[in-house]
Amino acid sequence: MALAQSSSLKKNNSLFMVKSFLMWTFTLAVCLLVVGFPMVVLMATVGALLSVILQSVMPISAVLLVAGSLIGLNVFAVIAGASILTFKGIHPTEVTWLSWLHGEVDNAHSSVYAACPLTCDLN
């Protein structure tokens, strides 16, 4: 009986870790694209300059090498960050600034429309 419960607990724990890893991967990828947009523009600029410099030195396609390296570096950074956060035991639902991820509404800001004093009391 105890063996069956421990097996079920390990299965649920591994499923929880996979779910946490996938949620962290999604969250970090979205943050990289949205919040890190200036960094992406900077990487593209440096990559373009690097490919022009490398094209004169290397006989292979420098654009393919630089683009593959930059994309691989970004993918590796997202997966490494998601792995570290998952193995530390931090789940995305525990993070307060990720309320947009699990559907919580921030009620600190409410919209007041200009026509509301005239029309809000009408039924």
PDB file of N, CA and C in Angstrom:
ATOM      1  N   MET A   1       0.821  -1.194   0.000  1.00  0.00           N
ATOM      2  CA  MET A   1       0.000   0.000   0.000  1.00  0.00           C
ATOM      3  C   MET A   1       0.870   1.265   0.000  1.00  0.00           C
ATOM      4  N   ALA A   2       1.881   1.268   0.862  1.00  0.00           N
ATOM      5  CA  ALA A   2       2.762   2.433   0.946  1.00  0.00           C
ATOM      6  C   ALA A   2       3.564   2.589  -0.338  1.00  0.00           C
ATOM      7  N   LEU A   3       3.921   1.469  -0.965  1.00  0.00           N
ATOM      8  CA  LEU A   3       4.667   1.522  -2.211  1.00  0.00           C
ATOM      9  C   LEU A   3       3.829   2.134  -3.326  1.00  0.00           C
ATOM     10  N   ALA A   4       2.554   1.799  -3.389  1.00  0.00           N
ATOM     11  CA  ALA A   4       1.663   2.357  -4.408  1.00  0.00           C
ATOM     12  C   ALA A   4       1.464   3.852  -4.204  1.00  0.00           C
ATOM     13  N   GLN A   5       1.378   4.286  -2.946  1.00  0.00           N
ATOM     14  CA  GLN A   5       1.209   5.707  -2.680  1.00  0.00           C
ATOM     15  C   GLN A   5       2.465   6.492  -3.027  1.00  0.00           C
ATOM     16  N   SER A   6       3.642   5.944  -2.728  1.00  0.00           N
ATOM     17  CA  SER A   6       4.868   6.654  -3.053  1.00  0.00           C
ATOM     18  C   SER A   6       5.076   6.709  -4.562  1.00  0.00           C
ATOM     19  N   SER A   7       4.679   5.662  -5.279  1.00  0.00           N
ATOM     20  CA  SER A   7       4.777   5.671  -6.744  1.00  0.00           C
ATOM     21  C   SER A   7       3.836   6.717  -7.338  1.00  0.00           C
ATOM     22  N   SER A   8       2.635   6.804  -6.794  1.00  0.00           N
ATOM     23  CA  SER A   8       1.674   7.807  -7.259  1.00  0.00           C
ATOM     24  C   SER A   8       2.164   9.214  -6.945  1.00  0.00           C
ATOM     25  N   LEU A   9       2.784   9.393  -5.785  1.00  0.00           N
ATOM     26  CA  LEU A   9       3.298  10.708  -5.403  1.00  0.00           C
ATOM     27  C   LEU A   9       4.445  11.131  -6.317  1.00  0.00           C
ATOM     28  N   LYS A  10       5.347  10.188  -6.665  1.00  0.00           N
ATOM     29  CA  LYS A  10       6.445  10.505  -7.573  1.00  0.00           C
ATOM     30  C   LYS A  10       5.923  10.840  -8.963  1.00  0.00           C
ATOM     31  N   LYS A  11       4.886  10.123  -9.398  1.00  0.00           N
ATOM     32  CA  LYS A  11       4.307  10.392 -10.710  1.00  0.00           C
ATOM     33  C   LYS A  11       3.672  11.773 -10.741  1.00  0.00           C
ATOM     34  N   ASN A  12       2.941  12.148  -9.678  1.00  0.00           N
ATOM     35  CA  ASN A  12       2.325  13.472  -9.615  1.00  0.00           C
ATOM     36  C   ASN A  12       3.383  14.562  -9.497  1.00  0.00           C
ATOM     37  N   ASN A  13       4.463  14.291  -8.763  1.00  0.00           N
ATOM     38  CA  ASN A  13       5.525  15.271  -8.605  1.00  0.00           C
ATOM     39  C   ASN A  13       6.234  15.505  -9.940  1.00  0.00           C
ATOM     40  N   SER A  14       6.500  14.441 -10.681  1.00  0.00           N
ATOM     41  CA  SER A  14       7.164  14.617 -11.970  1.00  0.00           C
ATOM     42  C   SER A  14       6.247  15.321 -12.961  1.00  0.00           C
ATOM     43  N   LEU A  15       4.960  15.027 -12.907  1.00  0.00           N
ATOM     44  CA  LEU A  15       3.994  15.723 -13.766  1.00  0.00           C
ATOM     45  C   LEU A  15       3.921  17.200 -13.396  1.00  0.00           C
ATOM     46  N   PHE A  16       3.977  17.490 -12.111  1.00  0.00           N
ATOM     47  CA  PHE A  16       3.973  18.875 -11.640  1.00  0.00           C
ATOM     48  C   PHE A  16       5.222  19.606 -12.110  1.00  0.00           C
ATOM     49  N   MET A  17       6.372  18.921 -12.094  1.00  0.00           N
ATOM     50  CA  MET A  17       7.619  19.546 -12.537  1.00  0.00           C
ATOM     51  C   MET A  17       7.608  19.791 -14.046  1.00  0.00           C
ATOM     52  N   VAL A  18       7.053  18.868 -14.811  1.00  0.00           N
ATOM     53  CA  VAL A  18       6.967  19.065 -16.264  1.00  0.00           C
ATOM     54  C   VAL A  18       6.045  20.232 -16.579  1.00  0.00           C
ATOM     55  N   LYS A  19       4.921  20.298 -15.867  1.00  0.00           N
ATOM     56  CA  LYS A  19       3.986  21.407 -16.073  1.00  0.00           C
ATOM     57  C   LYS A  19       4.638  22.737 -15.692  1.00  0.00           C
ATOM     58  N   SER A  20       5.369  22.760 -14.597  1.00  0.00           N
ATOM     59  CA  SER A  20       6.048  23.972 -14.169  1.00  0.00           C
ATOM     60  C   SER A  20       7.116  24.381 -15.176  1.00  0.00           C
ATOM     61  N   PHE A  21       7.871  23.404 -15.700  1.00  0.00           N
ATOM     62  CA  PHE A  21       8.910  23.702 -16.689  1.00  0.00           C
ATOM     63  C   PHE A  21       8.299  24.276 -17.965  1.00  0.00           C
ATOM     64  N   LEU A  22       7.211  23.708 -18.428  1.00  0.00           N
ATOM     65  CA  LEU A  22       6.571  24.215 -19.646  1.00  0.00           C
ATOM     66  C   LEU A  22       5.990  25.611 -19.441  1.00  0.00           C
ATOM     67  N   MET A  23       5.416  25.857 -18.266  1.00  0.00           N
ATOM     68  CA  MET A  23       4.880  27.193 -17.987  1.00  0.00           C
ATOM     69  C   MET A  23       6.010  28.220 -17.892  1.00  0.00           C
ATOM     70  N   TRP A  24       7.136  27.852 -17.272  1.00  0.00           N
ATOM     71  CA  TRP A  24       8.267  28.771 -17.193  1.00  0.00           C
ATOM     72  C   TRP A  24       8.860  29.028 -18.568  1.00  0.00           C
ATOM     73  N   THR A  25       8.915  27.992 -19.410  1.00  0.00           N
ATOM     74  CA  THR A  25       9.448  28.174 -20.758  1.00  0.00           C
ATOM     75  C   THR A  25       8.589  29.163 -21.531  1.00  0.00           C
ATOM     76  N   PHE A  26       7.266  28.991 -21.461  1.00  0.00           N
ATOM     77  CA  PHE A  26       6.344  29.915 -22.133  1.00  0.00           C
ATOM     78  C   PHE A  26       6.493  31.328 -21.583  1.00  0.00           C
ATOM     79  N   THR A  27       6.540  31.457 -20.280  1.00  0.00           N
ATOM     80  CA  THR A  27       6.609  32.777 -19.648  1.00  0.00           C
ATOM     81  C   THR A  27       7.908  33.500 -19.999  1.00  0.00           C
ATOM     82  N   LEU A  28       9.021  32.791 -19.935  1.00  0.00           N
ATOM     83  CA  LEU A  28      10.305  33.427 -20.250  1.00  0.00           C
ATOM     84  C   LEU A  28      10.423  33.770 -21.730  1.00  0.00           C
ATOM     85  N   ALA A  29       9.851  32.945 -22.595  1.00  0.00           N
ATOM     86  CA  ALA A  29       9.881  33.249 -24.031  1.00  0.00           C
ATOM     87  C   ALA A  29       9.044  34.491 -24.333  1.00  0.00           C
ATOM     88  N   VAL A  30       7.870  34.604 -23.704  1.00  0.00           N
ATOM     89  CA  VAL A  30       7.029  35.790 -23.912  1.00  0.00           C
ATOM     90  C   VAL A  30       7.712  37.030 -23.359  1.00  0.00           C
ATOM     91  N   CYS A  31       8.314  36.906 -22.187  1.00  0.00           N
ATOM     92  CA  CYS A  31       9.012  38.057 -21.602  1.00  0.00           C
ATOM     93  C   CYS A  31      10.203  38.471 -22.457  1.00  0.00           C
ATOM     94  N   LEU A  32      10.893  37.498 -23.047  1.00  0.00           N
ATOM     95  CA  LEU A  32      12.022  37.833 -23.916  1.00  0.00           C
ATOM     96  C   LEU A  32      11.550  38.579 -25.151  1.00  0.00           C
ATOM     97  N   LEU A  33      10.430  38.170 -25.711  1.00  0.00           N
ATOM     98  CA  LEU A  33       9.943  38.830 -26.921  1.00  0.00           C
ATOM     99  C   LEU A  33       9.316  40.193 -26.646  1.00  0.00           C
ATOM    100  N   VAL A  34       8.592  40.310 -25.548  1.00  0.00           N
ATOM    101  CA  VAL A  34       7.851  41.550 -25.281  1.00  0.00           C
ATOM    102  C   VAL A  34       8.708  42.556 -24.520  1.00  0.00           C
ATOM    103  N   VAL A  35       9.191  42.156 -23.365  1.00  0.00           N
ATOM    104  CA  VAL A  35       9.938  43.078 -22.519  1.00  0.00           C
ATOM    105  C   VAL A  35      11.356  43.259 -23.042  1.00  0.00           C
ATOM    106  N   GLY A  36      11.950  42.191 -23.588  1.00  0.00           N
ATOM    107  CA  GLY A  36      13.315  42.264 -24.047  1.00  0.00           C
ATOM    108  C   GLY A  36      13.459  42.699 -25.490  1.00  0.00           C
ATOM    109  N   PHE A  37      12.465  43.388 -26.035  1.00  0.00           N
ATOM    110  CA  PHE A  37      12.534  43.796 -27.435  1.00  0.00           C
ATOM    111  C   PHE A  37      13.731  44.689 -27.735  1.00  0.00           C
ATOM    112  N   PRO A  38      14.088  45.660 -26.893  1.00  0.00           N
ATOM    113  CA  PRO A  38      15.308  46.438 -27.170  1.00  0.00           C
ATOM    114  C   PRO A  38      16.564  45.568 -27.188  1.00  0.00           C
ATOM    115  N   MET A  39      16.594  44.551 -26.341  1.00  0.00           N
ATOM    116  CA  MET A  39      17.741  43.643 -26.346  1.00  0.00           C
ATOM    117  C   MET A  39      17.776  42.830 -27.640  1.00  0.00           C
ATOM    118  N   VAL A  40      16.616  42.441 -28.155  1.00  0.00           N
ATOM    119  CA  VAL A  40      16.555  41.698 -29.416  1.00  0.00           C
ATOM    120  C   VAL A  40      17.025  42.587 -30.572  1.00  0.00           C
ATOM    121  N   VAL A  41      16.647  43.846 -30.567  1.00  0.00           N
ATOM    122  CA  VAL A  41      17.109  44.779 -31.602  1.00  0.00           C
ATOM    123  C   VAL A  41      18.617  44.959 -31.518  1.00  0.00           C
ATOM    124  N   LEU A  42      19.149  45.066 -30.315  1.00  0.00           N
ATOM    125  CA  LEU A  42      20.592  45.190 -30.135  1.00  0.00           C
ATOM    126  C   LEU A  42      21.319  43.933 -30.617  1.00  0.00           C
ATOM    127  N   MET A  43      20.765  42.761 -30.309  1.00  0.00           N
ATOM    128  CA  MET A  43      21.386  41.512 -30.779  1.00  0.00           C
ATOM    129  C   MET A  43      21.347  41.412 -32.298  1.00  0.00           C
ATOM    130  N   ALA A  44      20.252  41.855 -32.912  1.00  0.00           N
ATOM    131  CA  ALA A  44      20.166  41.819 -34.378  1.00  0.00           C
ATOM    132  C   ALA A  44      21.180  42.763 -35.009  1.00  0.00           C
ATOM    133  N   THR A  45      21.385  43.928 -34.414  1.00  0.00           N
ATOM    134  CA  THR A  45      22.370  44.881 -34.937  1.00  0.00           C
ATOM    135  C   THR A  45      23.790  44.326 -34.819  1.00  0.00           C
ATOM    136  N   VAL A  46      24.110  43.804 -33.658  1.00  0.00           N
ATOM    137  CA  VAL A  46      25.437  43.217 -33.458  1.00  0.00           C
ATOM    138  C   VAL A  46      25.614  42.002 -34.370  1.00  0.00           C
ATOM    139  N   GLY A  47      24.568  41.201 -34.536  1.00  0.00           N
ATOM    140  CA  GLY A  47      24.644  40.044 -35.418  1.00  0.00           C
ATOM    141  C   GLY A  47      24.866  40.432 -36.866  1.00  0.00           C
ATOM    142  N   ALA A  48      24.216  41.497 -37.318  1.00  0.00           N
ATOM    143  CA  ALA A  48      24.420  41.959 -38.699  1.00  0.00           C
ATOM    144  C   ALA A  48      25.846  42.448 -38.908  1.00  0.00           C
ATOM    145  N   LEU A  49      26.354  43.213 -37.965  1.00  0.00           N
ATOM    146  CA  LEU A  49      27.737  43.683 -38.082  1.00  0.00           C
ATOM    147  C   LEU A  49      28.729  42.522 -38.014  1.00  0.00           C
ATOM    148  N   LEU A  50      28.466  41.583 -37.140  1.00  0.00           N
ATOM    149  CA  LEU A  50      29.347  40.425 -37.009  1.00  0.00           C
ATOM    150  C   LEU A  50      29.336  39.565 -38.264  1.00  0.00           C
ATOM    151  N   SER A  51      28.165  39.418 -38.879  1.00  0.00           N
ATOM    152  CA  SER A  51      28.107  38.611 -40.107  1.00  0.00           C
ATOM    153  C   SER A  51      28.829  39.295 -41.271  1.00  0.00           C
ATOM    154  N   VAL A  52      28.786  40.620 -41.331  1.00  0.00           N
ATOM    155  CA  VAL A  52      29.525  41.341 -42.377  1.00  0.00           C
ATOM    156  C   VAL A  52      31.028  41.173 -42.167  1.00  0.00           C
ATOM    157  N   ILE A  53      31.463  41.250 -40.914  1.00  0.00           N
ATOM    158  CA  ILE A  53      32.883  41.091 -40.615  1.00  0.00           C
ATOM    159  C   ILE A  53      33.332  39.655 -40.890  1.00  0.00           C
ATOM    160  N   LEU A  54      32.543  38.686 -40.474  1.00  0.00           N
ATOM    161  CA  LEU A  54      32.927  37.288 -40.651  1.00  0.00           C
ATOM    162  C   LEU A  54      32.869  36.840 -42.108  1.00  0.00           C
ATOM    163  N   GLN A  55      32.031  37.471 -42.909  1.00  0.00           N
ATOM    164  CA  GLN A  55      31.917  37.076 -44.312  1.00  0.00           C
ATOM    165  C   GLN A  55      33.229  37.284 -45.056  1.00  0.00           C
ATOM    166  N   SER A  56      33.962  38.301 -44.669  1.00  0.00           N
ATOM    167  CA  SER A  56      35.236  38.552 -45.345  1.00  0.00           C
ATOM    168  C   SER A  56      36.344  37.634 -44.845  1.00  0.00           C
ATOM    169  N   VAL A  57      36.176  37.045 -43.686  1.00  0.00           N
ATOM    170  CA  VAL A  57      37.212  36.208 -43.088  1.00  0.00           C
ATOM    171  C   VAL A  57      36.972  34.721 -43.341  1.00  0.00           C
ATOM    172  N   MET A  58      35.719  34.285 -43.222  1.00  0.00           N
ATOM    173  CA  MET A  58      35.398  32.863 -43.298  1.00  0.00           C
ATOM    174  C   MET A  58      34.788  32.522 -44.655  1.00  0.00           C
ATOM    175  N   PRO A  59      35.127  31.367 -45.202  1.00  0.00           N
ATOM    176  CA  PRO A  59      34.568  31.000 -46.508  1.00  0.00           C
ATOM    177  C   PRO A  59      33.141  30.441 -46.428  1.00  0.00           C
ATOM    178  N   ILE A  60      32.642  30.140 -45.228  1.00  0.00           N
ATOM    179  CA  ILE A  60      31.280  29.611 -45.112  1.00  0.00           C
ATOM    180  C   ILE A  60      30.294  30.758 -44.980  1.00  0.00           C
ATOM    181  N   SER A  61      29.051  30.440 -44.956  1.00  0.00           N
ATOM    182  CA  SER A  61      28.030  31.470 -44.841  1.00  0.00           C
ATOM    183  C   SER A  61      28.017  32.041 -43.427  1.00  0.00           C
ATOM    184  N   ALA A  62      28.500  33.232 -43.286  1.00  0.00           N
ATOM    185  CA  ALA A  62      28.595  33.868 -41.971  1.00  0.00           C
ATOM    186  C   ALA A  62      27.224  34.248 -41.442  1.00  0.00           C
ATOM    187  N   VAL A  63      26.290  34.563 -42.325  1.00  0.00           N
ATOM    188  CA  VAL A  63      24.940  34.940 -41.886  1.00  0.00           C
ATOM    189  C   VAL A  63      24.269  33.759 -41.207  1.00  0.00           C
ATOM    190  N   LEU A  64      24.407  32.574 -41.810  1.00  0.00           N
ATOM    191  CA  LEU A  64      23.815  31.374 -41.221  1.00  0.00           C
ATOM    192  C   LEU A  64      24.464  31.051 -39.882  1.00  0.00           C
ATOM    193  N   LEU A  65      25.761  31.195 -39.795  1.00  0.00           N
ATOM    194  CA  LEU A  65      26.473  30.917 -38.552  1.00  0.00           C
ATOM    195  C   LEU A  65      26.061  31.880 -37.443  1.00  0.00           C
ATOM    196  N   VAL A  66      26.008  33.153 -37.753  1.00  0.00           N
ATOM    197  CA  VAL A  66      25.668  34.157 -36.727  1.00  0.00           C
ATOM    198  C   VAL A  66      24.201  34.039 -36.326  1.00  0.00           C
ATOM    199  N   ALA A  67      23.307  33.879 -37.299  1.00  0.00           N
ATOM    200  CA  ALA A  67      21.880  33.764 -36.973  1.00  0.00           C
ATOM    201  C   ALA A  67      21.609  32.503 -36.163  1.00  0.00           C
ATOM    202  N   GLY A  68      22.216  31.398 -36.549  1.00  0.00           N
ATOM    203  CA  GLY A  68      22.047  30.160 -35.784  1.00  0.00           C
ATOM    204  C   GLY A  68      22.585  30.269 -34.376  1.00  0.00           C
ATOM    205  N   SER A  69      23.715  30.950 -34.233  1.00  0.00           N
ATOM    206  CA  SER A  69      24.295  31.137 -32.899  1.00  0.00           C
ATOM    207  C   SER A  69      23.404  32.011 -32.016  1.00  0.00           C
ATOM    208  N   LEU A  70      22.888  33.095 -32.573  1.00  0.00           N
ATOM    209  CA  LEU A  70      22.025  33.976 -31.772  1.00  0.00           C
ATOM    210  C   LEU A  70      20.717  33.299 -31.382  1.00  0.00           C
ATOM    211  N   ILE A  71      20.103  32.597 -32.316  1.00  0.00           N
ATOM    212  CA  ILE A  71      18.854  31.896 -32.004  1.00  0.00           C
ATOM    213  C   ILE A  71      19.110  30.779 -30.998  1.00  0.00           C
ATOM    214  N   GLY A  72      20.191  30.037 -31.201  1.00  0.00           N
ATOM    215  CA  GLY A  72      20.539  28.973 -30.260  1.00  0.00           C
ATOM    216  C   GLY A  72      20.838  29.503 -28.870  1.00  0.00           C
ATOM    217  N   LEU A  73      21.510  30.636 -28.796  1.00  0.00           N
ATOM    218  CA  LEU A  73      21.808  31.247 -27.501  1.00  0.00           C
ATOM    219  C   LEU A  73      20.524  31.671 -26.784  1.00  0.00           C
ATOM    220  N   ASN A  74      19.583  32.254 -27.518  1.00  0.00           N
ATOM    221  CA  ASN A  74      18.314  32.661 -26.907  1.00  0.00           C
ATOM    222  C   ASN A  74      17.507  31.454 -26.437  1.00  0.00           C
ATOM    223  N   VAL A  75      17.444  30.412 -27.250  1.00  0.00           N
ATOM    224  CA  VAL A  75      16.709  29.203 -26.859  1.00  0.00           C
ATOM    225  C   VAL A  75      17.364  28.561 -25.635  1.00  0.00           C
ATOM    226  N   PHE A  76      18.701  28.504 -25.640  1.00  0.00           N
ATOM    227  CA  PHE A  76      19.411  27.936 -24.496  1.00  0.00           C
ATOM    228  C   PHE A  76      19.161  28.757 -23.230  1.00  0.00           C
ATOM    229  N   ALA A  77      19.144  30.080 -23.334  1.00  0.00           N
ATOM    230  CA  ALA A  77      18.910  30.927 -22.161  1.00  0.00           C
ATOM    231  C   ALA A  77      17.511  30.706 -21.587  1.00  0.00           C
ATOM    232  N   VAL A  78      16.506  30.582 -22.461  1.00  0.00           N
ATOM    233  CA  VAL A  78      15.136  30.355 -21.987  1.00  0.00           C
ATOM    234  C   VAL A  78      15.020  28.990 -21.317  1.00  0.00           C
ATOM    235  N   ILE A  79      15.591  27.955 -21.937  1.00  0.00           N
ATOM    236  CA  ILE A  79      15.491  26.604 -21.366  1.00  0.00           C
ATOM    237  C   ILE A  79      16.298  26.506 -20.072  1.00  0.00           C
ATOM    238  N   ALA A  80      17.467  27.119 -20.029  1.00  0.00           N
ATOM    239  CA  ALA A  80      18.271  27.093 -18.806  1.00  0.00           C
ATOM    240  C   ALA A  80      17.563  27.837 -17.673  1.00  0.00           C
ATOM    241  N   GLY A  81      16.987  28.977 -17.977  1.00  0.00           N
ATOM    242  CA  GLY A  81      16.245  29.713 -16.944  1.00  0.00           C
ATOM    243  C   GLY A  81      15.042  28.951 -16.440  1.00  0.00           C
ATOM    244  N   ALA A  82      14.305  28.319 -17.356  1.00  0.00           N
ATOM    245  CA  ALA A  82      13.144  27.520 -16.952  1.00  0.00           C
ATOM    246  C   ALA A  82      13.570  26.315 -16.126  1.00  0.00           C
ATOM    247  N   SER A  83      14.686  25.699 -16.480  1.00  0.00           N
ATOM    248  CA  SER A  83      15.180  24.546 -15.718  1.00  0.00           C
ATOM    249  C   SER A  83      15.601  24.950 -14.315  1.00  0.00           C
ATOM    250  N   ILE A  84      16.311  26.053 -14.206  1.00  0.00           N
ATOM    251  CA  ILE A  84      16.765  26.509 -12.892  1.00  0.00           C
ATOM    252  C   ILE A  84      15.580  26.843 -11.996  1.00  0.00           C
ATOM    253  N   LEU A  85      14.611  27.571 -12.535  1.00  0.00           N
ATOM    254  CA  LEU A  85      13.445  27.932 -11.729  1.00  0.00           C
ATOM    255  C   LEU A  85      12.616  26.713 -11.356  1.00  0.00           C
ATOM    256  N   THR A  86      12.533  25.729 -12.244  1.00  0.00           N
ATOM    257  CA  THR A  86      11.765  24.520 -11.954  1.00  0.00           C
ATOM    258  C   THR A  86      12.449  23.691 -10.873  1.00  0.00           C
ATOM    259  N   PHE A  87      13.754  23.503 -10.982  1.00  0.00           N
ATOM    260  CA  PHE A  87      14.457  22.670  -9.998  1.00  0.00           C
ATOM    261  C   PHE A  87      14.632  23.360  -8.658  1.00  0.00           C
ATOM    262  N   LYS A  88      14.506  24.677  -8.621  1.00  0.00           N
ATOM    263  CA  LYS A  88      14.477  25.374  -7.327  1.00  0.00           C
ATOM    264  C   LYS A  88      13.119  25.230  -6.655  1.00  0.00           C
ATOM    265  N   GLY A  89      12.126  24.779  -7.403  1.00  0.00           N
ATOM    266  CA  GLY A  89      10.798  24.556  -6.835  1.00  0.00           C
ATOM    267  C   GLY A  89       9.899  25.775  -6.896  1.00  0.00           C
ATOM    268  N   ILE A  90      10.240  26.733  -7.721  1.00  0.00           N
ATOM    269  CA  ILE A  90       9.417  27.940  -7.851  1.00  0.00           C
ATOM    270  C   ILE A  90       8.410  27.697  -8.963  1.00  0.00           C
ATOM    271  N   HIS A  91       7.137  27.720  -8.612  1.00  0.00           N
ATOM    272  CA  HIS A  91       6.074  27.519  -9.605  1.00  0.00           C
ATOM    273  C   HIS A  91       5.562  28.889 -10.046  1.00  0.00           C
ATOM    274  N   PRO A  92       5.194  29.040 -11.321  1.00  0.00           N
ATOM    275  CA  PRO A  92       4.743  30.355 -11.804  1.00  0.00           C
ATOM    276  C   PRO A  92       3.524  30.909 -11.075  1.00  0.00           C
ATOM    277  N   THR A  93       2.692  30.062 -10.488  1.00  0.00           N
ATOM    278  CA  THR A  93       1.527  30.583  -9.758  1.00  0.00           C
ATOM    279  C   THR A  93       1.919  31.200  -8.421  1.00  0.00           C
ATOM    280  N   GLU A  94       3.139  30.932  -7.944  1.00  0.00           N
ATOM    281  CA  GLU A  94       3.606  31.503  -6.680  1.00  0.00           C
ATOM    282  C   GLU A  94       4.195  32.904  -6.849  1.00  0.00           C
ATOM    283  N   VAL A  95       4.460  33.302  -8.075  1.00  0.00           N
ATOM    284  CA  VAL A  95       5.099  34.593  -8.343  1.00  0.00           C
ATOM    285  C   VAL A  95       4.009  35.658  -8.455  1.00  0.00           C
ATOM    286  N   THR A  96       4.142  36.736  -7.690  1.00  0.00           N
ATOM    287  CA  THR A  96       3.068  37.727  -7.617  1.00  0.00           C
ATOM    288  C   THR A  96       2.934  38.557  -8.885  1.00  0.00           C
ATOM    289  N   TRP A  97       4.041  38.849  -9.579  1.00  0.00           N
ATOM    290  CA  TRP A  97       3.957  39.709 -10.753  1.00  0.00           C
ATOM    291  C   TRP A  97       3.527  38.958 -12.005  1.00  0.00           C
ATOM    292  N   LEU A  98       3.226  37.673 -11.897  1.00  0.00           N
ATOM    293  CA  LEU A  98       2.732  36.898 -13.032  1.00  0.00           C
ATOM    294  C   LEU A  98       1.229  36.652 -12.940  1.00  0.00           C
ATOM    295  N   SER A  99       0.491  37.630 -12.449  1.00  0.00           N
ATOM    296  CA  SER A  99      -0.957  37.435 -12.307  1.00  0.00           C
ATOM    297  C   SER A  99      -1.644  37.307 -13.659  1.00  0.00           C
ATOM    298  N   TRP A 100      -1.060  37.856 -14.722  1.00  0.00           N
ATOM    299  CA  TRP A 100      -1.627  37.742 -16.062  1.00  0.00           C
ATOM    300  C   TRP A 100      -1.554  36.313 -16.570  1.00  0.00           C
ATOM    301  N   LEU A 101      -0.637  35.518 -16.008  1.00  0.00           N
ATOM    302  CA  LEU A 101      -0.454  34.158 -16.491  1.00  0.00           C
ATOM    303  C   LEU A 101      -1.546  33.215 -16.001  1.00  0.00           C
ATOM    304  N   HIS A 102      -2.021  33.410 -14.796  1.00  0.00           N
ATOM    305  CA  HIS A 102      -3.027  32.497 -14.261  1.00  0.00           C
ATOM    306  C   HIS A 102      -4.384  33.152 -14.083  1.00  0.00           C
ATOM    307  N   GLY A 103      -4.664  34.185 -14.845  1.00  0.00           N
ATOM    308  CA  GLY A 103      -6.007  34.720 -14.983  1.00  0.00           C
ATOM    309  C   GLY A 103      -6.509  35.591 -13.859  1.00  0.00           C
ATOM    310  N   GLU A 104      -5.661  36.083 -12.997  1.00  0.00           N
ATOM    311  CA  GLU A 104      -6.120  36.965 -11.932  1.00  0.00           C
ATOM    312  C   GLU A 104      -6.201  38.391 -12.455  1.00  0.00           C
ATOM    313  N   VAL A 105      -7.231  39.081 -12.055  1.00  0.00           N
ATOM    314  CA  VAL A 105      -7.444  40.445 -12.511  1.00  0.00           C
ATOM    315  C   VAL A 105      -6.917  41.403 -11.456  1.00  0.00           C
ATOM    316  N   ASP A 106      -6.177  42.400 -11.892  1.00  0.00           N
ATOM    317  CA  ASP A 106      -5.674  43.431 -10.996  1.00  0.00           C
ATOM    318  C   ASP A 106      -6.745  44.512 -10.875  1.00  0.00           C
ATOM    319  N   ASN A 107      -7.385  44.598  -9.710  1.00  0.00           N
ATOM    320  CA  ASN A 107      -8.483  45.547  -9.511  1.00  0.00           C
ATOM    321  C   ASN A 107      -8.007  46.907  -9.028  1.00  0.00           C
ATOM    322  N   ALA A 108      -6.716  47.142  -8.998  1.00  0.00           N
ATOM    323  CA  ALA A 108      -6.198  48.430  -8.556  1.00  0.00           C
ATOM    324  C   ALA A 108      -6.530  49.534  -9.553  1.00  0.00           C
ATOM    325  N   HIS A 109      -6.682  49.180 -10.815  1.00  0.00           N
ATOM    326  CA  HIS A 109      -6.982  50.160 -11.845  1.00  0.00           C
ATOM    327  C   HIS A 109      -8.362  49.862 -12.411  1.00  0.00           C
ATOM    328  N   SER A 110      -9.265  50.826 -12.267  1.00  0.00           N
ATOM    329  CA  SER A 110     -10.588  50.666 -12.859  1.00  0.00           C
ATOM    330  C   SER A 110     -10.838  51.828 -13.808  1.00  0.00           C
ATOM    331  N   SER A 111     -11.461  51.523 -14.904  1.00  0.00           N
ATOM    332  CA  SER A 111     -11.701  52.539 -15.926  1.00  0.00           C
ATOM    333  C   SER A 111     -12.927  53.365 -15.570  1.00  0.00           C
ATOM    334  N   VAL A 112     -12.821  54.665 -15.749  1.00  0.00           N
ATOM    335  CA  VAL A 112     -13.947  55.573 -15.584  1.00  0.00           C
ATOM    336  C   VAL A 112     -14.096  56.299 -16.913  1.00  0.00           C
ATOM    337  N   TYR A 113     -15.213  56.084 -17.540  1.00  0.00           N
ATOM    338  CA  TYR A 113     -15.436  56.663 -18.855  1.00  0.00           C
ATOM    339  C   TYR A 113     -16.036  58.056 -18.720  1.00  0.00           C
ATOM    340  N   ALA A 114     -15.843  58.894 -19.718  1.00  0.00           N
ATOM    341  CA  ALA A 114     -16.303  60.274 -19.672  1.00  0.00           C
ATOM    342  C   ALA A 114     -17.820  60.365 -19.645  1.00  0.00           C
ATOM    343  N   ALA A 115     -18.505  59.415 -20.292  1.00  0.00           N
ATOM    344  CA  ALA A 115     -19.962  59.454 -20.347  1.00  0.00           C
ATOM    345  C   ALA A 115     -20.608  58.817 -19.132  1.00  0.00           C
ATOM    346  N   CYS A 116     -19.840  58.263 -18.218  1.00  0.00           N
ATOM    347  CA  CYS A 116     -20.401  57.540 -17.091  1.00  0.00           C
ATOM    348  C   CYS A 116     -21.274  58.406 -16.179  1.00  0.00           C
ATOM    349  N   PRO A 117     -20.902  59.639 -15.844  1.00  0.00           N
ATOM    350  CA  PRO A 117     -21.799  60.416 -14.978  1.00  0.00           C
ATOM    351  C   PRO A 117     -23.171  60.648 -15.603  1.00  0.00           C
ATOM    352  N   LEU A 118     -23.256  60.634 -16.915  1.00  0.00           N
ATOM    353  CA  LEU A 118     -24.549  60.860 -17.573  1.00  0.00           C
ATOM    354  C   LEU A 118     -25.349  59.572 -17.743  1.00  0.00           C
ATOM    355  N   THR A 119     -24.663  58.465 -17.955  1.00  0.00           N
ATOM    356  CA  THR A 119     -25.379  57.251 -18.359  1.00  0.00           C
ATOM    357  C   THR A 119     -25.298  56.105 -17.355  1.00  0.00           C
ATOM    358  N   CYS A 120     -24.495  56.183 -16.347  1.00  0.00           N
ATOM    359  CA  CYS A 120     -24.319  55.040 -15.445  1.00  0.00           C
ATOM    360  C   CYS A 120     -25.571  54.784 -14.600  1.00  0.00           C
ATOM    361  N   ASP A 121     -26.330  55.809 -14.289  1.00  0.00           N
ATOM    362  CA  ASP A 121     -27.506  55.625 -13.452  1.00  0.00           C
ATOM    363  C   ASP A 121     -28.731  55.179 -14.238  1.00  0.00           C
ATOM    364  N   LEU A 122     -28.672  55.210 -15.547  1.00  0.00           N
ATOM    365  CA  LEU A 122     -29.809  54.789 -16.369  1.00  0.00           C
ATOM    366  C   LEU A 122     -29.898  53.271 -16.409  1.00  0.00           C
ATOM    367  N   ASN A 123     -31.117  52.789 -16.385  1.00  0.00           N
ATOM    368  CA  ASN A 123     -31.323  51.331 -16.452  1.00  0.00           C
ATOM    369  C   ASN A 123     -31.946  50.950 -17.746  1.00  0.00           C
TER     370      ASN A 123
END
